[in-house]
Amino acid sequence: MGAQPHAASGAEMARDGLEAGADARLAVLNIQRTCVHDGPGLRTTVFFRGCPMSCAWCHNPEAQAFVSPSSVSAYRNVAEIMEVVSRDAAYYRGTHGGLTLSGGEPLAQDRASLLSLLEQAKEAGIPVAVETAGDVPWSAFEACLPLVDLFLFDLKIAKDDDLHERLTGRPLRRPRENLK
């Protein structure tokens, strides 16, 4: 992945949402336990709401739209998410599994809240995989790097800029740069 000029500061990471902590909330569509296709081992997958892309073939079209922070029912706090994820910790250890963040686009979520979730998973010894299409600022990757064990990078269309934009609604430039 390509380095950018500066690291994100704490103020930058929290600028668009809640401060990290017990009240941190994330837009969650679903939490699915006992997954075997979203990374190694047995996993719990958290599907987030909101993605900058609108892929013609999206597997989770119900997760594409971002939701307003005032939509209380669309959000879960980090403690609630971790309570569900922690239920299967013994299985993660036995299968080399863990937590997978999917979507939508996990790295497009409120950064302070996402970092709170990642920190709590790390403290609990739960390995984390992030499924991403990479269409987020590099600072989102940079902030999460120390807390993520595996990135599953889904580059939608590798070489044809026009085709990528036509089928995803977004330019290829940023995902390609983030993958370097």
C-alpha atoms as a PDB file:
ATOM      1  CA  MET A   1       0.000   0.000   0.000  1.00  0.00           C
ATOM      2  CA  GLY A   2       1.295   3.439  -0.850  1.00  0.00           C
ATOM      3  CA  ALA A   3       2.342   5.809   1.886  1.00  0.00           C
ATOM      4  CA  GLN A   4       0.899   9.281   1.999  1.00  0.00           C
ATOM      5  CA  PRO A   5       2.556  12.407   3.385  1.00  0.00           C
ATOM      6  CA  HIS A   6       1.308  12.365   6.978  1.00  0.00           C
ATOM      7  CA  ALA A   7      -0.359  10.186   9.570  1.00  0.00           C
ATOM      8  CA  ALA A   8      -3.904  11.009  10.590  1.00  0.00           C
ATOM      9  CA  SER A   9      -4.113  12.802  13.904  1.00  0.00           C
ATOM     10  CA  GLY A  10      -6.609  11.896  16.593  1.00  0.00           C
ATOM     11  CA  ALA A  11      -8.582  15.015  15.713  1.00  0.00           C
ATOM     12  CA  GLU A  12      -8.736  14.002  12.048  1.00  0.00           C
ATOM     13  CA  MET A  13      -9.814  10.481  12.981  1.00  0.00           C
ATOM     14  CA  ALA A  14     -12.703  11.716  15.116  1.00  0.00           C
ATOM     15  CA  ARG A  15     -13.732  14.748  13.039  1.00  0.00           C
ATOM     16  CA  ASP A  16     -16.814  13.200  11.469  1.00  0.00           C
ATOM     17  CA  GLY A  17     -18.334  11.322  14.351  1.00  0.00           C
ATOM     18  CA  LEU A  18     -18.360  10.259  17.926  1.00  0.00           C
ATOM     19  CA  GLU A  19     -15.286  10.096  20.089  1.00  0.00           C
ATOM     20  CA  ALA A  20     -14.083   6.560  20.647  1.00  0.00           C
ATOM     21  CA  GLY A  21     -15.331   4.966  23.821  1.00  0.00           C
ATOM     22  CA  ALA A  22     -18.248   3.144  25.355  1.00  0.00           C
ATOM     23  CA  ASP A  23     -20.760   5.212  23.371  1.00  0.00           C
ATOM     24  CA  ALA A  24     -19.058   4.634  19.999  1.00  0.00           C
ATOM     25  CA  ARG A  25     -21.651   3.534  17.451  1.00  0.00           C
ATOM     26  CA  LEU A  26     -21.374   1.990  14.015  1.00  0.00           C
ATOM     27  CA  ALA A  27     -23.932   1.572  11.221  1.00  0.00           C
ATOM     28  CA  VAL A  28     -24.443  -2.211  11.233  1.00  0.00           C
ATOM     29  CA  LEU A  29     -26.685  -4.083   8.825  1.00  0.00           C
ATOM     30  CA  ASN A  30     -26.099  -7.532  10.329  1.00  0.00           C
ATOM     31  CA  ILE A  31     -23.791  -9.570  12.529  1.00  0.00           C
ATOM     32  CA  GLN A  32     -23.457 -13.116  11.233  1.00  0.00           C
ATOM     33  CA  ARG A  33     -21.829 -15.808  13.346  1.00  0.00           C
ATOM     34  CA  THR A  34     -20.177 -19.045  12.153  1.00  0.00           C
ATOM     35  CA  CYS A  35     -18.995 -17.719   8.789  1.00  0.00           C
ATOM     36  CA  VAL A  36     -16.462 -19.718   6.806  1.00  0.00           C
ATOM     37  CA  HIS A  37     -16.110 -17.648   3.606  1.00  0.00           C
ATOM     38  CA  ASP A  38     -14.904 -14.301   4.977  1.00  0.00           C
ATOM     39  CA  GLY A  39     -11.319 -15.131   5.929  1.00  0.00           C
ATOM     40  CA  PRO A  40      -9.509 -18.029   7.561  1.00  0.00           C
ATOM     41  CA  GLY A  41     -11.127 -20.280  10.147  1.00  0.00           C
ATOM     42  CA  LEU A  42     -14.491 -19.791  11.804  1.00  0.00           C
ATOM     43  CA  ARG A  43     -15.476 -16.133  11.885  1.00  0.00           C
ATOM     44  CA  THR A  44     -18.119 -13.661  12.929  1.00  0.00           C
ATOM     45  CA  THR A  45     -18.767 -11.154  10.153  1.00  0.00           C
ATOM     46  CA  VAL A  46     -20.055  -7.661  10.854  1.00  0.00           C
ATOM     47  CA  PHE A  47     -21.739  -6.190   7.782  1.00  0.00           C
ATOM     48  CA  PHE A  48     -21.700  -2.383   7.811  1.00  0.00           C
ATOM     49  CA  ARG A  49     -24.050   0.004   6.055  1.00  0.00           C
ATOM     50  CA  GLY A  50     -22.646   2.423   3.521  1.00  0.00           C
ATOM     51  CA  CYS A  51     -20.282   2.074   0.585  1.00  0.00           C
ATOM     52  CA  PRO A  52     -18.889   4.751  -1.728  1.00  0.00           C
ATOM     53  CA  MET A  53     -19.241   2.360  -4.683  1.00  0.00           C
ATOM     54  CA  SER A  54     -22.437   1.133  -6.276  1.00  0.00           C
ATOM     55  CA  CYS A  55     -21.231  -2.003  -8.074  1.00  0.00           C
ATOM     56  CA  ALA A  56     -23.574  -3.475 -10.651  1.00  0.00           C
ATOM     57  CA  TRP A  57     -22.959  -6.965  -9.182  1.00  0.00           C
ATOM     58  CA  CYS A  58     -22.959  -6.045  -5.488  1.00  0.00           C
ATOM     59  CA  HIS A  59     -23.517  -9.078  -3.232  1.00  0.00           C
ATOM     60  CA  ASN A  60     -24.941  -6.869  -0.472  1.00  0.00           C
ATOM     61  CA  PRO A  61     -26.954  -4.135  -2.239  1.00  0.00           C
ATOM     62  CA  GLU A  62     -28.954  -3.576   0.958  1.00  0.00           C
ATOM     63  CA  ALA A  63     -25.685  -2.378   2.538  1.00  0.00           C
ATOM     64  CA  GLN A  64     -24.808   0.223  -0.121  1.00  0.00           C
ATOM     65  CA  ALA A  65     -26.647   3.241   1.287  1.00  0.00           C
ATOM     66  CA  PHE A  66     -25.156   5.285   4.107  1.00  0.00           C
ATOM     67  CA  VAL A  67     -27.583   5.971   6.937  1.00  0.00           C
ATOM     68  CA  SER A  68     -28.060   9.065   9.028  1.00  0.00           C
ATOM     69  CA  PRO A  69     -26.588   9.050  12.544  1.00  0.00           C
ATOM     70  CA  SER A  70     -30.090   9.978  13.729  1.00  0.00           C
ATOM     71  CA  SER A  71     -31.369   6.593  12.498  1.00  0.00           C
ATOM     72  CA  VAL A  72     -31.042   4.927  15.901  1.00  0.00           C
ATOM     73  CA  SER A  73     -32.162   1.466  14.763  1.00  0.00           C
ATOM     74  CA  ALA A  74     -29.402   1.301  12.123  1.00  0.00           C
ATOM     75  CA  TYR A  75     -26.607   1.652  14.683  1.00  0.00           C
ATOM     76  CA  ARG A  76     -25.057  -0.609  17.304  1.00  0.00           C
ATOM     77  CA  ASN A  77     -22.610   0.464  19.926  1.00  0.00           C
ATOM     78  CA  VAL A  78     -19.201  -1.150  20.051  1.00  0.00           C
ATOM     79  CA  ALA A  79     -19.954  -2.936  23.337  1.00  0.00           C
ATOM     80  CA  GLU A  80     -22.995  -4.648  21.741  1.00  0.00           C
ATOM     81  CA  ILE A  81     -20.942  -5.716  18.726  1.00  0.00           C
ATOM     82  CA  MET A  82     -18.137  -7.076  20.898  1.00  0.00           C
ATOM     83  CA  GLU A  83     -20.610  -8.978  23.096  1.00  0.00           C
ATOM     84  CA  VAL A  84     -21.805 -10.931  20.032  1.00  0.00           C
ATOM     85  CA  VAL A  85     -18.314 -11.351  18.568  1.00  0.00           C
ATOM     86  CA  SER A  86     -16.837 -12.574  21.870  1.00  0.00           C
ATOM     87  CA  ARG A  87     -19.328 -15.438  22.162  1.00  0.00           C
ATOM     88  CA  ASP A  88     -17.269 -17.543  19.750  1.00  0.00           C
ATOM     89  CA  ALA A  89     -13.750 -16.694  20.961  1.00  0.00           C
ATOM     90  CA  ALA A  90     -12.958 -20.349  21.747  1.00  0.00           C
ATOM     91  CA  TYR A  91     -13.886 -21.333  18.189  1.00  0.00           C
ATOM     92  CA  TYR A  92     -11.683 -18.579  16.746  1.00  0.00           C
ATOM     93  CA  ARG A  93      -8.700 -19.902  18.685  1.00  0.00           C
ATOM     94  CA  GLY A  94      -9.363 -23.489  17.622  1.00  0.00           C
ATOM     95  CA  THR A  95      -9.773 -22.683  13.916  1.00  0.00           C
ATOM     96  CA  HIS A  96      -7.477 -19.648  13.496  1.00  0.00           C
ATOM     97  CA  GLY A  97     -10.592 -17.592  12.834  1.00  0.00           C
ATOM     98  CA  GLY A  98     -11.785 -14.274  14.213  1.00  0.00           C
ATOM     99  CA  LEU A  99     -13.764 -11.179  13.334  1.00  0.00           C
ATOM    100  CA  THR A 100     -14.334 -10.029   9.746  1.00  0.00           C
ATOM    101  CA  LEU A 101     -15.513  -6.509   8.966  1.00  0.00           C
ATOM    102  CA  SER A 102     -17.448  -6.393   5.708  1.00  0.00           C
ATOM    103  CA  GLY A 103     -20.118  -4.297   4.168  1.00  0.00           C
ATOM    104  CA  GLY A 104     -20.822  -1.988   2.728  1.00  0.00           C
ATOM    105  CA  GLU A 105     -17.334  -0.600   3.180  1.00  0.00           C
ATOM    106  CA  PRO A 106     -15.924  -1.015   6.696  1.00  0.00           C
ATOM    107  CA  LEU A 107     -13.221   1.613   6.202  1.00  0.00           C
ATOM    108  CA  ALA A 108     -15.835   4.246   5.261  1.00  0.00           C
ATOM    109  CA  GLN A 109     -17.388   4.081   8.734  1.00  0.00           C
ATOM    110  CA  ASP A 110     -16.928   6.660  11.478  1.00  0.00           C
ATOM    111  CA  ARG A 111     -13.215   6.353  12.098  1.00  0.00           C
ATOM    112  CA  ALA A 112     -13.140   6.890  15.859  1.00  0.00           C
ATOM    113  CA  SER A 113     -15.880   4.293  16.356  1.00  0.00           C
ATOM    114  CA  LEU A 114     -14.226   1.835  13.987  1.00  0.00           C
ATOM    115  CA  LEU A 115     -10.916   2.235  15.804  1.00  0.00           C
ATOM    116  CA  SER A 116     -12.683   1.639  19.112  1.00  0.00           C
ATOM    117  CA  LEU A 117     -14.060  -1.663  17.763  1.00  0.00           C
ATOM    118  CA  LEU A 118     -10.652  -2.690  16.402  1.00  0.00           C
ATOM    119  CA  GLU A 119      -8.919  -1.816  19.682  1.00  0.00           C
ATOM    120  CA  GLN A 120     -11.416  -3.843  21.698  1.00  0.00           C
ATOM    121  CA  ALA A 121     -11.008  -6.841  19.397  1.00  0.00           C
ATOM    122  CA  LYS A 122      -7.219  -6.583  19.711  1.00  0.00           C
ATOM    123  CA  GLU A 123      -7.470  -6.342  23.524  1.00  0.00           C
ATOM    124  CA  ALA A 124      -9.669  -9.471  23.515  1.00  0.00           C
ATOM    125  CA  GLY A 125      -7.122 -11.331  21.376  1.00  0.00           C
ATOM    126  CA  ILE A 126      -9.545 -11.700  18.467  1.00  0.00           C
ATOM    127  CA  PRO A 127      -7.863 -11.579  15.028  1.00  0.00           C
ATOM    128  CA  VAL A 128      -9.460  -9.119  12.611  1.00  0.00           C
ATOM    129  CA  ALA A 129      -9.860  -9.283   8.825  1.00  0.00           C
ATOM    130  CA  VAL A 130     -11.227  -6.354   6.819  1.00  0.00           C
ATOM    131  CA  GLU A 131     -12.932  -6.856   3.459  1.00  0.00           C
ATOM    132  CA  THR A 132     -12.461  -3.657   1.479  1.00  0.00           C
ATOM    133  CA  ALA A 133     -12.783  -2.311  -2.035  1.00  0.00           C
ATOM    134  CA  GLY A 134     -10.204   0.326  -1.112  1.00  0.00           C
ATOM    135  CA  ASP A 135     -12.168   3.413  -2.195  1.00  0.00           C
ATOM    136  CA  VAL A 136     -11.430   5.364   0.979  1.00  0.00           C
ATOM    137  CA  PRO A 137      -8.733   7.897   1.888  1.00  0.00           C
ATOM    138  CA  TRP A 138      -5.333   6.354   2.630  1.00  0.00           C
ATOM    139  CA  SER A 139      -5.627   7.759   6.153  1.00  0.00           C
ATOM    140  CA  ALA A 140      -8.407   5.210   6.842  1.00  0.00           C
ATOM    141  CA  PHE A 141      -6.016   2.358   6.064  1.00  0.00           C
ATOM    142  CA  GLU A 142      -3.175   4.015   7.927  1.00  0.00           C
ATOM    143  CA  ALA A 143      -5.223   4.415  11.105  1.00  0.00           C
ATOM    144  CA  CYS A 144      -6.307   0.755  11.066  1.00  0.00           C
ATOM    145  CA  LEU A 145      -3.052  -0.936   9.994  1.00  0.00           C
ATOM    146  CA  PRO A 146      -1.747  -1.673  13.513  1.00  0.00           C
ATOM    147  CA  LEU A 147      -5.076  -3.220  14.528  1.00  0.00           C
ATOM    148  CA  VAL A 148      -5.906  -5.382  11.493  1.00  0.00           C
ATOM    149  CA  ASP A 149      -4.391  -8.809  10.907  1.00  0.00           C
ATOM    150  CA  LEU A 150      -5.584  -9.334   7.328  1.00  0.00           C
ATOM    151  CA  PHE A 151      -6.932  -7.108   4.557  1.00  0.00           C
ATOM    152  CA  LEU A 152      -9.046  -8.875   1.919  1.00  0.00           C
ATOM    153  CA  PHE A 153      -8.750  -6.292  -0.863  1.00  0.00           C
ATOM    154  CA  ASP A 154     -11.394  -6.602  -3.574  1.00  0.00           C
ATOM    155  CA  LEU A 155     -10.067  -4.696  -6.577  1.00  0.00           C
ATOM    156  CA  LYS A 156     -13.164  -4.606  -8.754  1.00  0.00           C
ATOM    157  CA  ILE A 157     -11.631  -4.008 -12.200  1.00  0.00           C
ATOM    158  CA  ALA A 158      -7.862  -3.852 -12.412  1.00  0.00           C
ATOM    159  CA  LYS A 159      -6.867  -2.118 -15.635  1.00  0.00           C
ATOM    160  CA  ASP A 160      -9.767  -0.367 -17.322  1.00  0.00           C
ATOM    161  CA  ASP A 161     -10.524   2.986 -15.674  1.00  0.00           C
ATOM    162  CA  ASP A 162     -13.610   3.691 -17.794  1.00  0.00           C
ATOM    163  CA  LEU A 163     -15.113   0.247 -17.226  1.00  0.00           C
ATOM    164  CA  HIS A 164     -14.442   0.482 -13.479  1.00  0.00           C
ATOM    165  CA  GLU A 165     -16.247   3.810 -13.256  1.00  0.00           C
ATOM    166  CA  ARG A 166     -19.147   2.621 -15.397  1.00  0.00           C
ATOM    167  CA  LEU A 167     -19.707  -0.552 -13.312  1.00  0.00           C
ATOM    168  CA  THR A 168     -18.930   0.776  -9.804  1.00  0.00           C
ATOM    169  CA  GLY A 169     -19.899   4.425 -10.096  1.00  0.00           C
ATOM    170  CA  ARG A 170     -16.419   5.447  -8.903  1.00  0.00           C
ATOM    171  CA  PRO A 171     -13.002   6.106 -10.441  1.00  0.00           C
ATOM    172  CA  LEU A 172     -10.336   3.405 -10.147  1.00  0.00           C
ATOM    173  CA  ARG A 173      -7.565   5.820  -9.060  1.00  0.00           C
ATOM    174  CA  ARG A 174      -7.967   5.646  -5.271  1.00  0.00           C
ATOM    175  CA  PRO A 175      -8.400   1.857  -4.913  1.00  0.00           C
ATOM    176  CA  ARG A 176      -5.393   1.337  -7.195  1.00  0.00           C
ATOM    177  CA  GLU A 177      -3.260   3.807  -5.205  1.00  0.00           C
ATOM    178  CA  ASN A 178      -4.286   2.256  -1.880  1.00  0.00           C
ATOM    179  CA  LEU A 179      -3.409  -1.226  -3.106  1.00  0.00           C
ATOM    180  CA  LYS A 180       0.188  -0.233  -3.945  1.00  0.00           C
END
